[in-house]
Structure formats: structure tokens, C-alpha cells
């Protein structure tokens, strides 16, 4: 008995994150719709933010719930990520039942909506070279290369070095013609085609013929998705910061609680 916690402490330790009453009511109403899409960002939502992007393993609770949603009658599930689609599949371990959209909503299983031109590939290579030159000057920064974009990461740099690296990116390649800029948490991403998670949700909504969409996101890039939600949809912001989403959870454990709730409601209704 000497090492046993008091009963109330044990309950606090095992209690799952609580969804507030407004969010729970919204999830109940959403789950009751005939056909629904449950979609989420990956990093910071299904996976916690980590120092090295390649180490971002998913929360098994969230992945299991998404897979249950993907196979429940009248339900679809998707991951919509800034990562390259191939990297997203490898990291998440998603089955074929789950729809994967990469490159901030621009990369589907069929590829990109518009073919990448030789001129755009040349421009991307110039951006990559410039980012690598910037990164070489500031320890802790790194460059991630994707099919139509490249990202400068500064999370592991000192605050001064990170700010200086981002400033060089902003005043350099981010200002070039034909470059599309996306800002995120301790990153700047430059693409040679326009990307939008909001447009991706529109495309999935139409293709799947759903009545409502639930979307979870934590970063500024997810605001484009929240902006495309309609009455009856549910937007959930993960973590702090301003947002257009109506609801909020604290962290990836809260994401798991939302996804498990939806999965249970859909399975129970089938």
C-alpha cells in the first residue's frame, strides 16, 4: 500500500482530456449527419510537434480512430498535411481506407491538379539552393525538400539565428515572382504552385458527397481550411493562438479524444 496513490489522484492520472459541453454537442450533431468527412492535419494534431520532422510518429489512438471513421458506414476520413504525400503515408502508417492529401492540399493520390512545368522545377531548384545557403549560415536550421515546395525549419536554432534566417528567406526567394509563401510555426515554406487546404476540403467534400466536414488543425496553414467550412461543419483549433475555428482542444491528446468520440458515435449509429 505504501506506493499506491490516493484514489482521487489515480482518477486524475487516468482521466482522458475532457471535451467541453459545446464541442461535445457539436460532435453529437455532426455524427448524426448521413454522410460525413473527418479530416485532420498531421503534425501538431495526430502527431505531436517534434524537433526533427522525420521523428513525428502518430498518436496510435488518433490513427485507430481515423481508421474506424474511414470504414464506418457513411463516413470518410482524411489526413491533410503540408508534408509530401509519400512521406505522410510512410510516417502515419495509414491504410488505403484513409484519404491522404499532401503538400498543403495540393497533392492527391492522382498527383497535382496542374502538371509542374520545367520553368517551375527550375525555380524550385533555385529556391532550394538559396535556402541551403541560408541554412549553412545558421546552426540548427534545416531545409526540407518536397515535390513542389521547400521548407526552411528554424525550430532548433537560437531565437536570433532563427529570426535572421527567416528574414533572409522573406527578403530573398520569398519575394521572387512565381513563388507562393506559406508561414508556419518556426518555418517558412515556398511553393511554385498555389496550395490551399481549404480548396482540398472543397474537393473532398464534392468527391465524397458528404453533408458535413470536421477539420482539426493547429497551424496558421490550417486557417485556410477553417475558412472554407460551412454551416453544420465543425472546426477545431488545436492549441493556442487566434483562429477562425469555433472550437478548441489543448493538444494532440485532445485530438485523440475528438476522433475517438466521432468514431464511437458513428459505429454506434451503424
Protein backbone atom coordinates (compact mmCIF):
# COMPACT_ATOMS: atom_id res chain seq x y z
CA UNK A 1 0.00 0.00 0.00
CA UNK A 2 2.91 2.34 0.65
CA UNK A 3 3.45 3.23 -3.03
CA UNK A 4 -0.21 3.45 -4.02
CA UNK A 5 -1.64 6.84 -4.98
CA UNK A 6 -4.82 8.10 -3.30
CA UNK A 7 -7.97 7.23 -5.24
CA UNK A 8 -8.59 10.80 -6.41
CA UNK A 9 -5.00 11.10 -7.69
CA UNK A 10 -5.35 7.81 -9.59
CA UNK A 11 -8.54 9.08 -11.22
CA UNK A 12 -6.85 12.31 -12.27
CA UNK A 13 -3.95 10.38 -13.77
CA UNK A 14 -6.10 8.14 -15.97
CA UNK A 15 -8.84 10.63 -16.93
CA UNK A 16 -8.83 11.45 -20.65
CA UNK A 17 -8.89 15.07 -21.82
CA UNK A 18 -12.39 16.45 -21.31
CA UNK A 19 -14.27 17.89 -24.27
CA UNK A 20 -16.26 20.93 -23.25
CA UNK A 21 -20.05 20.80 -23.47
CA UNK A 22 -20.28 22.99 -26.59
CA UNK A 23 -17.79 20.86 -28.51
CA UNK A 24 -19.41 17.63 -27.38
CA UNK A 25 -22.81 18.89 -28.54
CA UNK A 26 -21.33 19.87 -31.90
CA UNK A 27 -19.76 16.41 -32.28
CA UNK A 28 -23.08 14.74 -31.46
CA UNK A 29 -24.87 16.79 -34.12
CA UNK A 30 -22.10 16.23 -36.66
CA UNK A 31 -22.03 12.46 -36.13
CA UNK A 32 -25.79 12.29 -36.72
CA UNK A 33 -25.47 13.62 -40.29
CA UNK A 34 -25.97 10.98 -43.03
CA UNK A 35 -22.53 11.33 -44.70
CA UNK A 36 -19.54 12.98 -43.05
CA UNK A 37 -15.84 13.61 -43.62
CA UNK A 38 -13.48 13.62 -40.63
CA UNK A 39 -10.19 15.32 -41.57
CA UNK A 40 -7.13 16.45 -39.66
CA UNK A 41 -3.73 17.97 -40.09
CA UNK A 42 -0.89 15.60 -39.15
CA UNK A 43 1.90 17.48 -37.36
CA UNK A 44 0.73 19.04 -34.10
CA UNK A 45 -2.57 17.16 -34.27
CA UNK A 46 -2.31 13.44 -34.99
CA UNK A 47 1.40 13.65 -34.18
CA UNK A 48 2.97 15.97 -31.60
CA UNK A 49 5.42 18.60 -32.80
CA UNK A 50 8.97 17.23 -32.56
CA UNK A 51 12.45 18.67 -33.08
CA UNK A 52 13.11 16.62 -36.21
CA UNK A 53 10.27 16.30 -38.77
CA UNK A 54 11.27 12.73 -39.62
CA UNK A 55 10.62 11.69 -35.99
CA UNK A 56 6.94 12.68 -35.99
CA UNK A 57 5.21 9.41 -35.12
CA UNK A 58 1.41 9.40 -34.82
CA UNK A 59 -0.64 9.03 -31.68
CA UNK A 60 -1.94 5.45 -32.05
CA UNK A 61 -5.29 6.45 -30.51
CA UNK A 62 -5.84 9.07 -33.22
CA UNK A 63 -4.82 6.79 -36.07
CA UNK A 64 -7.03 3.97 -34.80
CA UNK A 65 -9.99 6.35 -34.54
CA UNK A 66 -9.41 7.76 -38.03
CA UNK A 67 -9.26 4.24 -39.45
CA UNK A 68 -12.54 3.40 -37.68
CA UNK A 69 -14.13 6.53 -39.17
CA UNK A 70 -12.85 5.62 -42.63
CA UNK A 71 -14.62 2.26 -42.53
CA UNK A 72 -17.83 3.27 -40.73
CA UNK A 73 -20.98 3.45 -42.91
CA UNK A 74 -21.48 6.89 -44.42
CA UNK A 75 -18.17 8.21 -43.09
CA UNK A 76 -14.85 9.15 -44.67
CA UNK A 77 -11.55 10.16 -43.08
CA UNK A 78 -8.54 12.07 -44.34
CA UNK A 79 -5.18 13.47 -43.33
CA UNK A 80 -4.44 16.84 -44.96
CA UNK A 81 -0.81 17.77 -44.41
CA UNK A 82 1.94 20.08 -45.51
CA UNK A 83 4.17 17.06 -45.94
CA UNK A 84 4.79 15.34 -49.24
CA UNK A 85 2.11 12.70 -49.65
CA UNK A 86 4.59 9.80 -49.78
CA UNK A 87 6.23 10.97 -46.56
CA UNK A 88 2.82 11.36 -44.92
CA UNK A 89 1.90 7.75 -45.75
CA UNK A 90 5.26 6.42 -44.53
CA UNK A 91 5.11 8.31 -41.22
CA UNK A 92 1.43 7.80 -40.44
CA UNK A 93 1.21 4.15 -41.46
CA UNK A 94 -2.25 4.92 -42.86
CA UNK A 95 -4.19 2.17 -44.62
CA UNK A 96 -5.69 2.57 -48.07
CA UNK A 97 -9.05 3.31 -46.42
CA UNK A 98 -7.73 6.69 -45.27
CA UNK A 99 -7.50 9.52 -47.81
CA UNK A 100 -4.14 11.30 -47.79
CA UNK A 101 -3.60 14.80 -49.16
CA UNK A 102 -0.09 16.25 -49.11
CA UNK A 103 1.70 19.49 -49.94
CA UNK A 104 -0.79 21.72 -48.07
CA UNK A 105 -3.75 20.41 -50.02
CA UNK A 106 -2.22 20.31 -53.49
CA UNK A 107 -1.11 16.66 -53.75
CA UNK A 108 -3.68 13.88 -54.13
CA UNK A 109 -3.34 10.20 -55.00
CA UNK A 110 -3.68 11.19 -58.65
CA UNK A 111 -0.88 13.74 -58.33
CA UNK A 112 -1.14 17.51 -58.65
CA UNK A 113 -4.06 19.26 -60.32
CA UNK A 114 -1.73 21.01 -62.75
CA UNK A 115 1.46 19.50 -64.20
CA UNK A 116 4.66 21.11 -62.93
CA UNK A 117 6.41 22.92 -65.78
CA UNK A 118 10.14 22.86 -66.47
CA UNK A 119 10.26 26.53 -65.53
CA UNK A 120 8.65 25.82 -62.16
CA UNK A 121 11.10 22.97 -61.50
CA UNK A 122 14.00 25.31 -62.29
CA UNK A 123 12.53 27.93 -59.94
CA UNK A 124 12.14 25.34 -57.18
CA UNK A 125 15.76 24.30 -57.55
CA UNK A 126 16.84 27.94 -57.24
CA UNK A 127 14.80 28.31 -54.05
CA UNK A 128 16.30 25.10 -52.62
CA UNK A 129 19.81 26.31 -53.37
CA UNK A 130 19.09 29.64 -51.70
CA UNK A 131 17.54 28.00 -48.64
CA UNK A 132 20.52 25.68 -48.29
CA UNK A 133 22.84 28.66 -48.49
CA UNK A 134 20.86 30.40 -45.72
CA UNK A 135 20.76 27.26 -43.59
CA UNK A 136 24.53 26.82 -43.84
CA UNK A 137 24.94 30.16 -42.06
CA UNK A 138 22.74 29.39 -39.06
CA UNK A 139 23.27 26.28 -36.89
CA UNK A 140 20.09 24.43 -36.01
CA UNK A 141 18.24 25.38 -39.20
CA UNK A 142 17.43 22.80 -41.86
CA UNK A 143 15.91 22.52 -45.32
CA UNK A 144 13.14 20.08 -46.26
CA UNK A 145 12.56 19.41 -49.96
CA UNK A 146 9.12 18.43 -51.28
CA UNK A 147 7.76 17.82 -54.79
CA UNK A 148 6.55 21.38 -55.41
CA UNK A 149 7.98 23.30 -52.47
CA UNK A 150 10.78 23.57 -49.96
CA UNK A 151 10.71 24.47 -46.28
CA UNK A 152 13.20 26.27 -44.08
CA UNK A 153 12.95 24.99 -40.49
CA UNK A 154 14.31 27.14 -37.65
CA UNK A 155 12.81 25.39 -34.60
CA UNK A 156 16.21 24.10 -33.41
CA UNK A 157 18.10 27.37 -33.95
CA UNK A 158 18.61 30.10 -31.37
CA UNK A 159 15.87 32.77 -31.46
CA UNK A 160 18.24 35.32 -33.01
CA UNK A 161 19.54 32.91 -35.65
CA UNK A 162 16.05 31.69 -36.45
CA UNK A 163 14.75 35.23 -36.90
CA UNK A 164 17.73 36.16 -39.09
CA UNK A 165 17.29 33.09 -41.29
CA UNK A 166 13.58 33.75 -41.76
CA UNK A 167 14.28 37.38 -42.59
CA UNK A 168 16.74 36.36 -45.32
CA UNK A 169 14.15 33.97 -46.72
CA UNK A 170 11.46 36.68 -46.70
CA UNK A 171 13.60 39.30 -48.40
CA UNK A 172 15.18 36.77 -50.76
CA UNK A 173 13.37 33.91 -52.53
CA UNK A 174 10.01 34.61 -50.90
CA UNK A 175 9.91 37.87 -52.87
CA UNK A 176 10.56 36.28 -56.27
CA UNK A 177 7.91 36.12 -58.99
CA UNK A 178 6.03 32.83 -59.14
CA UNK A 179 6.73 31.94 -55.52
CA UNK A 180 3.84 31.17 -53.12
CA UNK A 181 4.65 31.74 -49.46
CA UNK A 182 3.25 29.78 -46.51
CA UNK A 183 4.18 30.73 -42.95
CA UNK A 184 4.03 28.22 -40.11
CA UNK A 185 5.37 27.64 -36.62
CA UNK A 186 9.15 28.20 -36.87
CA UNK A 187 9.05 27.52 -40.63
CA UNK A 188 8.63 29.26 -43.94
CA UNK A 189 7.62 27.24 -46.97
CA UNK A 190 7.93 28.39 -50.56
CA UNK A 191 6.00 26.63 -53.32
CA UNK A 192 5.97 27.04 -57.08
CA UNK A 193 2.22 26.38 -57.32
CA UNK A 194 -0.60 27.73 -55.17
CA UNK A 195 -1.62 25.47 -52.30
CA UNK A 196 -4.68 25.55 -50.05
CA UNK A 197 -6.05 23.11 -47.51
CA UNK A 198 -9.36 24.91 -47.93
CA UNK A 199 -9.53 24.04 -51.61
CA UNK A 200 -8.56 20.48 -50.73
CA UNK A 201 -11.54 20.21 -48.36
CA UNK A 202 -13.83 21.59 -51.07
CA UNK A 203 -12.58 18.94 -53.49
CA UNK A 204 -13.01 16.11 -50.97
CA UNK A 205 -16.47 17.36 -49.97
CA UNK A 206 -17.64 17.26 -53.58
CA UNK A 207 -15.97 13.94 -54.45
CA UNK A 208 -17.32 12.15 -51.38
CA UNK A 209 -20.75 13.79 -51.43
CA UNK A 210 -20.71 14.47 -47.70
CA UNK A 211 -23.21 16.54 -45.72
CA UNK A 212 -20.67 17.91 -43.25
CA UNK A 213 -16.93 18.17 -42.61
CA UNK A 214 -14.99 18.12 -39.36
CA UNK A 215 -11.48 19.52 -39.52
CA UNK A 216 -8.76 19.70 -36.86
CA UNK A 217 -5.68 21.89 -37.28
CA UNK A 218 -3.04 23.60 -35.18
CA UNK A 219 -1.08 25.89 -37.51
CA UNK A 220 -1.65 29.06 -39.49
CA UNK A 221 -1.84 26.97 -42.66
CA UNK A 222 -4.96 25.31 -41.27
CA UNK A 223 -6.79 28.63 -41.19
CA UNK A 224 -7.36 28.25 -44.93
CA UNK A 225 -9.23 25.04 -44.14
CA UNK A 226 -11.27 26.62 -41.35
CA UNK A 227 -12.21 29.47 -43.70
CA UNK A 228 -13.83 27.00 -46.10
CA UNK A 229 -16.07 25.33 -43.51
CA UNK A 230 -19.83 25.78 -43.88
CA UNK A 231 -22.84 25.74 -41.55
CA UNK A 232 -23.07 22.30 -40.00
CA UNK A 233 -19.32 21.74 -40.26
CA UNK A 234 -17.07 21.61 -37.19
CA UNK A 235 -13.67 23.33 -36.98
CA UNK A 236 -11.39 22.51 -34.05
CA UNK A 237 -8.26 24.50 -33.33
CA UNK A 238 -5.51 22.57 -31.55
CA UNK A 239 -3.52 24.66 -29.06
CA UNK A 240 -3.40 28.41 -28.57
CA UNK A 241 -3.45 31.35 -30.95
CA UNK A 242 -6.10 33.22 -32.92
CA UNK A 243 -8.32 31.14 -35.16
CA UNK A 244 -11.45 31.09 -37.27
CA UNK A 245 -12.37 27.71 -35.78
CA UNK A 246 -15.30 27.74 -33.38
CA UNK A 247 -13.96 25.05 -31.05
CA UNK A 248 -10.62 24.27 -29.44
CA UNK A 249 -8.69 21.46 -27.76
CA UNK A 250 -5.39 21.82 -25.95
CA UNK A 251 -3.11 19.29 -27.62
CA UNK A 252 -2.84 16.03 -29.61
CA UNK A 253 -4.44 14.13 -26.73
CA UNK A 254 -7.47 16.35 -27.22
CA UNK A 255 -7.40 15.48 -30.91
CA UNK A 256 -7.49 11.79 -29.99
CA UNK A 257 -10.49 12.42 -27.73
CA UNK A 258 -12.37 14.19 -30.55
CA UNK A 259 -11.60 11.45 -33.08
CA UNK A 260 -12.48 8.64 -30.66
CA UNK A 261 -15.78 10.35 -29.86
CA UNK A 262 -16.73 10.64 -33.53
CA UNK A 263 -15.64 7.08 -34.28
CA UNK A 264 -17.68 5.70 -31.39
CA UNK A 265 -20.77 7.72 -32.33
CA UNK A 266 -20.62 6.63 -35.99
CA UNK A 267 -20.05 2.97 -35.17
CA UNK A 268 -22.86 3.02 -32.59
CA UNK A 269 -25.23 4.51 -35.14
CA UNK A 270 -24.48 1.89 -37.81
